[in-house]
Amino acid sequence: MLGIFCLGLLHFVGCICLVLFHIIAYSNWLIKMGLNNWKDEHQTEHHKLNGPLLFFLTAYYFLSDTSMLMKVALAGISFLGLHYDYLIFSIHLMYVCAQFETLEKVFVALQITSREVASTVLLAFCVQYCFLVLGFLTFSDVYGFADMATGGCKSLIQCLLAHLDYGFRSGPVWGSPDLTLWKFLFDYIYNMIVILILAAIISGIIIDTFAEMRSNLQFKNKEQGTKCFMCGIEAPYM
């Protein structure tokens, strides 16, 4: 355990040094650049850049450095791993994966599509809730899902949590073998909308982002290989 503690302490000290080096190397430059841009934008309004306004702008530009905030978060995770549980250090594996060029593109694609994916997840929540309410109002016998028999839920919130947890893995499973027309339609529509369409939308958003990133990279490589950087004239074909 002493060896693990020493490695964790070394990791924490390294994270602190990484934060300090980033602040020394970049933060002062970012703050000065932000303040100069602010002066250029407000030069006709006769604002004096001092006192609380200077402190606020300095703090704003300092905290707007996402790279620095990421390093601070890594240091905080290292502190938690050192003082609470060494398993918390495993979160840093995501940062290690992001250092590889191929895996970095995955994180970039997830970041670019975060709003679209979040909107689709919200839509999926609303659809699941509508199916849950419709099932409550129209079916006397309960239904569950293939991974778990969730039909014994006592309240609407419990059934909603069951829908959100297991409802994206399979369609409804009925407690009785009798399959009416309405059960068939409920099953069929649920599988089409929740299982197939919503899952395909999320995966399609991410796949389209990868395709767009690849297309942009190919365009940049072509521009760099066939055009002059200074004048933009295309190179003659040999």
C-alpha atoms as a PDB file:
ATOM      1  CA  MET A   1       0.000   0.000   0.000  1.00  0.00           C
ATOM      2  CA  LEU A   2       2.913   2.351   0.663  1.00  0.00           C
ATOM      3  CA  GLY A   3       4.061   1.951  -2.938  1.00  0.00           C
ATOM      4  CA  ILE A   4       0.592   2.773  -4.276  1.00  0.00           C
ATOM      5  CA  PHE A   5       0.395   5.799  -1.987  1.00  0.00           C
ATOM      6  CA  CYS A   6       3.765   7.051  -3.221  1.00  0.00           C
ATOM      7  CA  LEU A   7       2.678   6.628  -6.852  1.00  0.00           C
ATOM      8  CA  GLY A   8      -0.583   8.446  -6.112  1.00  0.00           C
ATOM      9  CA  LEU A   9       1.269  11.257  -4.364  1.00  0.00           C
ATOM     10  CA  LEU A  10       3.659  11.545  -7.287  1.00  0.00           C
ATOM     11  CA  HIS A  11       0.696  11.678  -9.671  1.00  0.00           C
ATOM     12  CA  PHE A  12      -0.987  14.407  -7.612  1.00  0.00           C
ATOM     13  CA  VAL A  13       2.195  16.491  -7.469  1.00  0.00           C
ATOM     14  CA  GLY A  14       2.592  16.062 -11.221  1.00  0.00           C
ATOM     15  CA  CYS A  15      -0.979  17.300 -11.792  1.00  0.00           C
ATOM     16  CA  ILE A  16      -0.368  20.349  -9.581  1.00  0.00           C
ATOM     17  CA  CYS A  17       2.838  21.122 -11.481  1.00  0.00           C
ATOM     18  CA  LEU A  18       0.940  20.757 -14.768  1.00  0.00           C
ATOM     19  CA  VAL A  19      -1.642  23.300 -13.595  1.00  0.00           C
ATOM     20  CA  LEU A  20       1.023  25.742 -12.398  1.00  0.00           C
ATOM     21  CA  PHE A  21       3.035  25.463 -15.614  1.00  0.00           C
ATOM     22  CA  HIS A  22      -0.108  26.060 -17.661  1.00  0.00           C
ATOM     23  CA  ILE A  23      -0.983  29.160 -15.615  1.00  0.00           C
ATOM     24  CA  ILE A  24       2.543  30.540 -15.970  1.00  0.00           C
ATOM     25  CA  ALA A  25       2.776  29.792 -19.692  1.00  0.00           C
ATOM     26  CA  TYR A  26      -0.729  30.594 -20.957  1.00  0.00           C
ATOM     27  CA  SER A  27      -3.055  32.225 -18.439  1.00  0.00           C
ATOM     28  CA  ASN A  28      -1.291  35.585 -18.263  1.00  0.00           C
ATOM     29  CA  TRP A  29      -1.183  35.760 -22.064  1.00  0.00           C
ATOM     30  CA  LEU A  30      -4.880  34.856 -22.363  1.00  0.00           C
ATOM     31  CA  ILE A  31      -5.864  37.472 -19.791  1.00  0.00           C
ATOM     32  CA  LYS A  32      -3.852  40.197 -21.525  1.00  0.00           C
ATOM     33  CA  MET A  33      -5.281  39.254 -24.923  1.00  0.00           C
ATOM     34  CA  GLY A  34      -8.826  39.274 -23.533  1.00  0.00           C
ATOM     35  CA  LEU A  35      -8.348  42.652 -21.841  1.00  0.00           C
ATOM     36  CA  ASN A  36      -6.893  44.148 -25.024  1.00  0.00           C
ATOM     37  CA  ASN A  37      -9.833  42.859 -27.054  1.00  0.00           C
ATOM     38  CA  TRP A  38     -12.226  44.312 -24.492  1.00  0.00           C
ATOM     39  CA  LYS A  39     -10.472  47.696 -24.715  1.00  0.00           C
ATOM     40  CA  ASP A  40     -10.691  47.642 -28.501  1.00  0.00           C
ATOM     41  CA  GLU A  41     -14.423  46.836 -28.402  1.00  0.00           C
ATOM     42  CA  HIS A  42     -15.260  49.538 -25.821  1.00  0.00           C
ATOM     43  CA  GLN A  43     -12.814  52.277 -26.795  1.00  0.00           C
ATOM     44  CA  THR A  44     -15.649  54.625 -27.841  1.00  0.00           C
ATOM     45  CA  GLU A  45     -17.584  54.206 -24.583  1.00  0.00           C
ATOM     46  CA  HIS A  46     -14.901  55.766 -22.323  1.00  0.00           C
ATOM     47  CA  HIS A  47     -14.853  52.893 -19.844  1.00  0.00           C
ATOM     48  CA  LYS A  48     -11.987  52.927 -17.356  1.00  0.00           C
ATOM     49  CA  LEU A  49     -10.521  49.490 -16.947  1.00  0.00           C
ATOM     50  CA  ASN A  50      -9.708  49.433 -13.245  1.00  0.00           C
ATOM     51  CA  GLY A  51     -11.162  48.502  -9.862  1.00  0.00           C
ATOM     52  CA  PRO A  52     -13.919  45.856  -9.705  1.00  0.00           C
ATOM     53  CA  LEU A  53     -14.329  45.821 -13.493  1.00  0.00           C
ATOM     54  CA  LEU A  54     -10.677  44.888 -14.002  1.00  0.00           C
ATOM     55  CA  PHE A  55     -10.938  42.186 -11.328  1.00  0.00           C
ATOM     56  CA  PHE A  56     -14.111  40.776 -12.889  1.00  0.00           C
ATOM     57  CA  LEU A  57     -12.670  40.687 -16.417  1.00  0.00           C
ATOM     58  CA  THR A  58      -9.427  39.136 -15.185  1.00  0.00           C
ATOM     59  CA  ALA A  59     -11.317  36.400 -13.344  1.00  0.00           C
ATOM     60  CA  TYR A  60     -13.594  35.865 -16.347  1.00  0.00           C
ATOM     61  CA  TYR A  61     -10.774  35.420 -18.850  1.00  0.00           C
ATOM     62  CA  PHE A  62      -8.831  33.291 -16.384  1.00  0.00           C
ATOM     63  CA  LEU A  63     -11.764  30.922 -15.801  1.00  0.00           C
ATOM     64  CA  SER A  64     -12.694  30.812 -19.495  1.00  0.00           C
ATOM     65  CA  ASP A  65      -9.544  28.796 -20.205  1.00  0.00           C
ATOM     66  CA  THR A  66     -11.072  25.327 -20.641  1.00  0.00           C
ATOM     67  CA  SER A  67      -7.688  23.652 -20.960  1.00  0.00           C
ATOM     68  CA  MET A  68      -6.649  24.994 -17.572  1.00  0.00           C
ATOM     69  CA  LEU A  69      -9.972  23.969 -16.012  1.00  0.00           C
ATOM     70  CA  MET A  70      -9.481  20.458 -17.388  1.00  0.00           C
ATOM     71  CA  LYS A  71      -6.068  20.234 -15.745  1.00  0.00           C
ATOM     72  CA  VAL A  72      -7.540  21.514 -12.473  1.00  0.00           C
ATOM     73  CA  ALA A  73     -10.239  18.823 -12.701  1.00  0.00           C
ATOM     74  CA  LEU A  74      -7.551  16.184 -13.256  1.00  0.00           C
ATOM     75  CA  ALA A  75      -5.720  17.451 -10.167  1.00  0.00           C
ATOM     76  CA  GLY A  76      -8.973  17.306  -8.177  1.00  0.00           C
ATOM     77  CA  ILE A  77      -9.601  13.733  -9.297  1.00  0.00           C
ATOM     78  CA  SER A  78      -6.042  12.846  -8.316  1.00  0.00           C
ATOM     79  CA  PHE A  79      -6.635  14.384  -4.877  1.00  0.00           C
ATOM     80  CA  LEU A  80      -9.804  12.324  -4.411  1.00  0.00           C
ATOM     81  CA  GLY A  81      -8.015   9.176  -5.485  1.00  0.00           C
ATOM     82  CA  LEU A  82      -5.199   9.865  -3.042  1.00  0.00           C
ATOM     83  CA  HIS A  83      -7.434  10.586  -0.047  1.00  0.00           C
ATOM     84  CA  TYR A  84     -10.565   8.465  -0.583  1.00  0.00           C
ATOM     85  CA  ASP A  85     -10.034   5.513  -2.893  1.00  0.00           C
ATOM     86  CA  TYR A  86      -7.246   4.609  -5.304  1.00  0.00           C
ATOM     87  CA  LEU A  87      -9.806   3.347  -7.818  1.00  0.00           C
ATOM     88  CA  ILE A  88     -10.736   6.965  -8.571  1.00  0.00           C
ATOM     89  CA  PHE A  89      -7.423   7.247 -10.419  1.00  0.00           C
ATOM     90  CA  SER A  90      -8.994   5.101 -13.149  1.00  0.00           C
ATOM     91  CA  ILE A  91     -10.839   8.202 -14.422  1.00  0.00           C
ATOM     92  CA  HIS A  92      -7.498   9.489 -15.705  1.00  0.00           C
ATOM     93  CA  LEU A  93      -7.501   6.675 -18.264  1.00  0.00           C
ATOM     94  CA  MET A  94      -9.973   8.752 -20.276  1.00  0.00           C
ATOM     95  CA  TYR A  95      -7.410  11.569 -20.396  1.00  0.00           C
ATOM     96  CA  VAL A  96      -4.738   9.086 -21.492  1.00  0.00           C
ATOM     97  CA  CYS A  97      -7.010   7.833 -24.277  1.00  0.00           C
ATOM     98  CA  ALA A  98      -7.590  11.415 -25.425  1.00  0.00           C
ATOM     99  CA  GLN A  99      -3.850  11.817 -26.070  1.00  0.00           C
ATOM    100  CA  PHE A 100      -4.004   9.338 -28.980  1.00  0.00           C
ATOM    101  CA  GLU A 101      -4.881  10.979 -32.290  1.00  0.00           C
ATOM    102  CA  THR A 102      -7.486   8.411 -33.326  1.00  0.00           C
ATOM    103  CA  LEU A 103      -9.245   8.325 -29.955  1.00  0.00           C
ATOM    104  CA  GLU A 104      -9.076  12.098 -29.682  1.00  0.00           C
ATOM    105  CA  LYS A 105     -11.333  12.338 -32.724  1.00  0.00           C
ATOM    106  CA  VAL A 106     -13.926  10.270 -30.866  1.00  0.00           C
ATOM    107  CA  PHE A 107     -13.963  12.778 -28.008  1.00  0.00           C
ATOM    108  CA  VAL A 108     -14.106  15.664 -30.480  1.00  0.00           C
ATOM    109  CA  ALA A 109     -17.068  14.066 -32.262  1.00  0.00           C
ATOM    110  CA  LEU A 110     -18.881  13.593 -28.949  1.00  0.00           C
ATOM    111  CA  GLN A 111     -18.188  17.202 -28.024  1.00  0.00           C
ATOM    112  CA  ILE A 112     -19.422  18.532 -31.369  1.00  0.00           C
ATOM    113  CA  THR A 113     -22.633  16.494 -31.222  1.00  0.00           C
ATOM    114  CA  SER A 114     -23.298  16.998 -27.507  1.00  0.00           C
ATOM    115  CA  ARG A 115     -26.262  19.339 -28.095  1.00  0.00           C
ATOM    116  CA  GLU A 116     -27.850  17.136 -30.735  1.00  0.00           C
ATOM    117  CA  VAL A 117     -27.388  13.997 -28.650  1.00  0.00           C
ATOM    118  CA  ALA A 118     -28.728  15.738 -25.533  1.00  0.00           C
ATOM    119  CA  SER A 119     -31.799  16.910 -27.485  1.00  0.00           C
ATOM    120  CA  THR A 120     -32.379  13.382 -28.785  1.00  0.00           C
ATOM    121  CA  VAL A 121     -32.064  11.973 -25.264  1.00  0.00           C
ATOM    122  CA  LEU A 122     -34.639  14.511 -24.068  1.00  0.00           C
ATOM    123  CA  LEU A 123     -36.934  13.460 -26.918  1.00  0.00           C
ATOM    124  CA  ALA A 124     -36.434   9.817 -25.940  1.00  0.00           C
ATOM    125  CA  PHE A 125     -37.379  10.635 -22.356  1.00  0.00           C
ATOM    126  CA  CYS A 126     -40.601  12.307 -23.508  1.00  0.00           C
ATOM    127  CA  VAL A 127     -41.442   9.384 -25.798  1.00  0.00           C
ATOM    128  CA  GLN A 128     -40.819   6.886 -23.001  1.00  0.00           C
ATOM    129  CA  TYR A 129     -43.025   8.895 -20.658  1.00  0.00           C
ATOM    130  CA  CYS A 130     -45.834   9.008 -23.235  1.00  0.00           C
ATOM    131  CA  PHE A 131     -45.666   5.236 -23.703  1.00  0.00           C
ATOM    132  CA  LEU A 132     -45.667   4.746 -19.937  1.00  0.00           C
ATOM    133  CA  VAL A 133     -48.746   6.926 -19.423  1.00  0.00           C
ATOM    134  CA  LEU A 134     -50.487   5.268 -22.352  1.00  0.00           C
ATOM    135  CA  GLY A 135     -49.788   1.841 -20.874  1.00  0.00           C
ATOM    136  CA  PHE A 136     -51.061   2.918 -17.461  1.00  0.00           C
ATOM    137  CA  LEU A 137     -54.300   4.218 -18.904  1.00  0.00           C
ATOM    138  CA  THR A 138     -55.141   1.425 -21.331  1.00  0.00           C
ATOM    139  CA  PHE A 139     -53.751  -1.875 -19.956  1.00  0.00           C
ATOM    140  CA  SER A 140     -55.141  -3.614 -16.916  1.00  0.00           C
ATOM    141  CA  ASP A 141     -52.400  -6.258 -16.798  1.00  0.00           C
ATOM    142  CA  VAL A 142     -48.845  -5.120 -16.209  1.00  0.00           C
ATOM    143  CA  TYR A 143     -45.901  -5.609 -18.535  1.00  0.00           C
ATOM    144  CA  GLY A 144     -42.158  -5.698 -18.027  1.00  0.00           C
ATOM    145  CA  PHE A 145     -39.057  -6.006 -20.182  1.00  0.00           C
ATOM    146  CA  ALA A 146     -36.788  -8.847 -21.249  1.00  0.00           C
ATOM    147  CA  ASP A 147     -33.941  -7.951 -18.874  1.00  0.00           C
ATOM    148  CA  MET A 148     -36.127  -7.408 -15.800  1.00  0.00           C
ATOM    149  CA  ALA A 149     -39.710  -8.003 -14.709  1.00  0.00           C
ATOM    150  CA  THR A 150     -40.595  -4.402 -13.905  1.00  0.00           C
ATOM    151  CA  GLY A 151     -44.359  -4.876 -13.885  1.00  0.00           C
ATOM    152  CA  GLY A 152     -44.544  -4.778 -10.088  1.00  0.00           C
ATOM    153  CA  CYS A 153     -43.688  -1.086  -9.775  1.00  0.00           C
ATOM    154  CA  LYS A 154     -45.823   0.702  -7.207  1.00  0.00           C
ATOM    155  CA  SER A 155     -45.836   4.254  -8.527  1.00  0.00           C
ATOM    156  CA  LEU A 156     -45.492   6.157 -11.762  1.00  0.00           C
ATOM    157  CA  ILE A 157     -41.965   7.297 -10.941  1.00  0.00           C
ATOM    158  CA  GLN A 158     -40.817   3.717 -10.326  1.00  0.00           C
ATOM    159  CA  CYS A 159     -42.297   2.575 -13.618  1.00  0.00           C
ATOM    160  CA  LEU A 160     -40.702   5.547 -15.393  1.00  0.00           C
ATOM    161  CA  LEU A 161     -37.287   4.644 -14.016  1.00  0.00           C
ATOM    162  CA  ALA A 162     -37.845   1.056 -15.148  1.00  0.00           C
ATOM    163  CA  HIS A 163     -38.791   2.298 -18.623  1.00  0.00           C
ATOM    164  CA  LEU A 164     -35.697   4.492 -18.851  1.00  0.00           C
ATOM    165  CA  ASP A 165     -33.401   1.751 -17.562  1.00  0.00           C
ATOM    166  CA  TYR A 166     -34.686  -1.308 -19.406  1.00  0.00           C
ATOM    167  CA  GLY A 167     -36.942   0.176 -22.085  1.00  0.00           C
ATOM    168  CA  PHE A 168     -34.114   0.960 -24.496  1.00  0.00           C
ATOM    169  CA  ARG A 169     -32.889  -2.644 -24.456  1.00  0.00           C
ATOM    170  CA  SER A 170     -36.072  -4.471 -25.409  1.00  0.00           C
ATOM    171  CA  GLY A 171     -39.749  -4.028 -26.067  1.00  0.00           C
ATOM    172  CA  PRO A 172     -42.538  -4.752 -23.571  1.00  0.00           C
ATOM    173  CA  VAL A 173     -42.952  -8.311 -22.310  1.00  0.00           C
ATOM    174  CA  TRP A 174     -46.481  -9.216 -21.231  1.00  0.00           C
ATOM    175  CA  GLY A 175     -47.325 -11.253 -18.191  1.00  0.00           C
ATOM    176  CA  SER A 176     -50.064 -13.223 -19.982  1.00  0.00           C
ATOM    177  CA  PRO A 177     -49.808 -15.139 -23.276  1.00  0.00           C
ATOM    178  CA  ASP A 178     -52.913 -13.452 -24.676  1.00  0.00           C
ATOM    179  CA  LEU A 179     -51.938 -10.972 -27.378  1.00  0.00           C
ATOM    180  CA  THR A 180     -54.692  -8.569 -28.361  1.00  0.00           C
ATOM    181  CA  LEU A 181     -54.609  -6.214 -31.325  1.00  0.00           C
ATOM    182  CA  TRP A 182     -53.888  -3.226 -29.082  1.00  0.00           C
ATOM    183  CA  LYS A 183     -51.010  -5.076 -27.363  1.00  0.00           C
ATOM    184  CA  PHE A 184     -49.589  -5.948 -30.774  1.00  0.00           C
ATOM    185  CA  LEU A 185     -49.785  -2.330 -31.961  1.00  0.00           C
ATOM    186  CA  PHE A 186     -48.321  -1.052 -28.694  1.00  0.00           C
ATOM    187  CA  ASP A 187     -45.444  -3.523 -29.002  1.00  0.00           C
ATOM    188  CA  TYR A 188     -44.857  -2.803 -32.673  1.00  0.00           C
ATOM    189  CA  ILE A 189     -44.937   0.997 -32.361  1.00  0.00           C
ATOM    190  CA  TYR A 190     -42.738   0.887 -29.243  1.00  0.00           C
ATOM    191  CA  ASN A 191     -40.102  -1.223 -31.003  1.00  0.00           C
ATOM    192  CA  MET A 192     -40.166   0.944 -34.119  1.00  0.00           C
ATOM    193  CA  ILE A 193     -39.901   4.304 -32.348  1.00  0.00           C
ATOM    194  CA  VAL A 194     -37.864   3.605 -29.191  1.00  0.00           C
ATOM    195  CA  ILE A 195     -35.694   0.629 -30.064  1.00  0.00           C
ATOM    196  CA  LEU A 196     -35.015   1.321 -33.756  1.00  0.00           C
ATOM    197  CA  ILE A 197     -35.582   4.978 -34.651  1.00  0.00           C
ATOM    198  CA  LEU A 198     -34.300   6.799 -31.549  1.00  0.00           C
ATOM    199  CA  ALA A 199     -31.217   4.600 -31.243  1.00  0.00           C
ATOM    200  CA  ALA A 200     -30.544   5.050 -34.969  1.00  0.00           C
ATOM    201  CA  ILE A 201     -30.859   8.832 -34.645  1.00  0.00           C
ATOM    202  CA  ILE A 202     -28.204   8.993 -31.909  1.00  0.00           C
ATOM    203  CA  SER A 203     -25.792   6.706 -33.741  1.00  0.00           C
ATOM    204  CA  GLY A 204     -26.486   8.500 -37.034  1.00  0.00           C
ATOM    205  CA  ILE A 205     -25.618  11.888 -35.522  1.00  0.00           C
ATOM    206  CA  ILE A 206     -22.240  10.604 -34.329  1.00  0.00           C
ATOM    207  CA  ILE A 207     -21.498   8.728 -37.577  1.00  0.00           C
ATOM    208  CA  ASP A 208     -22.356  11.804 -39.672  1.00  0.00           C
ATOM    209  CA  THR A 209     -20.001  13.860 -37.510  1.00  0.00           C
ATOM    210  CA  PHE A 210     -17.179  11.380 -38.159  1.00  0.00           C
ATOM    211  CA  ALA A 211     -17.894  11.565 -41.899  1.00  0.00           C
ATOM    212  CA  GLU A 212     -17.870  15.374 -41.815  1.00  0.00           C
ATOM    213  CA  MET A 213     -14.592  15.417 -39.869  1.00  0.00           C
ATOM    214  CA  ARG A 214     -13.015  13.031 -42.377  1.00  0.00           C
ATOM    215  CA  SER A 215     -14.268  15.133 -45.296  1.00  0.00           C
ATOM    216  CA  ASN A 216     -12.855  18.325 -43.754  1.00  0.00           C
ATOM    217  CA  LEU A 217      -9.517  16.630 -43.131  1.00  0.00           C
ATOM    218  CA  GLN A 218      -9.323  15.397 -46.721  1.00  0.00           C
ATOM    219  CA  PHE A 219     -10.186  18.884 -47.999  1.00  0.00           C
ATOM    220  CA  LYS A 220      -7.472  20.482 -45.858  1.00  0.00           C
ATOM    221  CA  ASN A 221      -4.888  17.942 -46.972  1.00  0.00           C
ATOM    222  CA  LYS A 222      -5.835  18.536 -50.602  1.00  0.00           C
ATOM    223  CA  GLU A 223      -5.617  22.307 -50.175  1.00  0.00           C
ATOM    224  CA  GLN A 224      -2.220  22.043 -48.515  1.00  0.00           C
ATOM    225  CA  GLY A 225      -0.916  19.708 -51.203  1.00  0.00           C
ATOM    226  CA  THR A 226      -2.200  21.490 -54.299  1.00  0.00           C
ATOM    227  CA  LYS A 227      -2.311  25.222 -53.437  1.00  0.00           C
ATOM    228  CA  CYS A 228       0.249  27.829 -52.528  1.00  0.00           C
ATOM    229  CA  PHE A 229      -0.072  28.803 -48.865  1.00  0.00           C
ATOM    230  CA  MET A 230       0.653  32.492 -49.496  1.00  0.00           C
ATOM    231  CA  CYS A 231      -1.143  33.249 -52.762  1.00  0.00           C
ATOM    232  CA  GLY A 232      -3.744  30.468 -52.994  1.00  0.00           C
ATOM    233  CA  ILE A 233      -2.799  29.574 -56.596  1.00  0.00           C
ATOM    234  CA  GLU A 234      -3.200  25.908 -57.448  1.00  0.00           C
ATOM    235  CA  ALA A 235      -0.113  23.983 -58.433  1.00  0.00           C
ATOM    236  CA  PRO A 236       0.093  22.948 -62.122  1.00  0.00           C
ATOM    237  CA  TYR A 237      -0.679  19.305 -62.810  1.00  0.00           C
ATOM    238  CA  MET A 238       2.365  17.295 -63.821  1.00  0.00           C
END
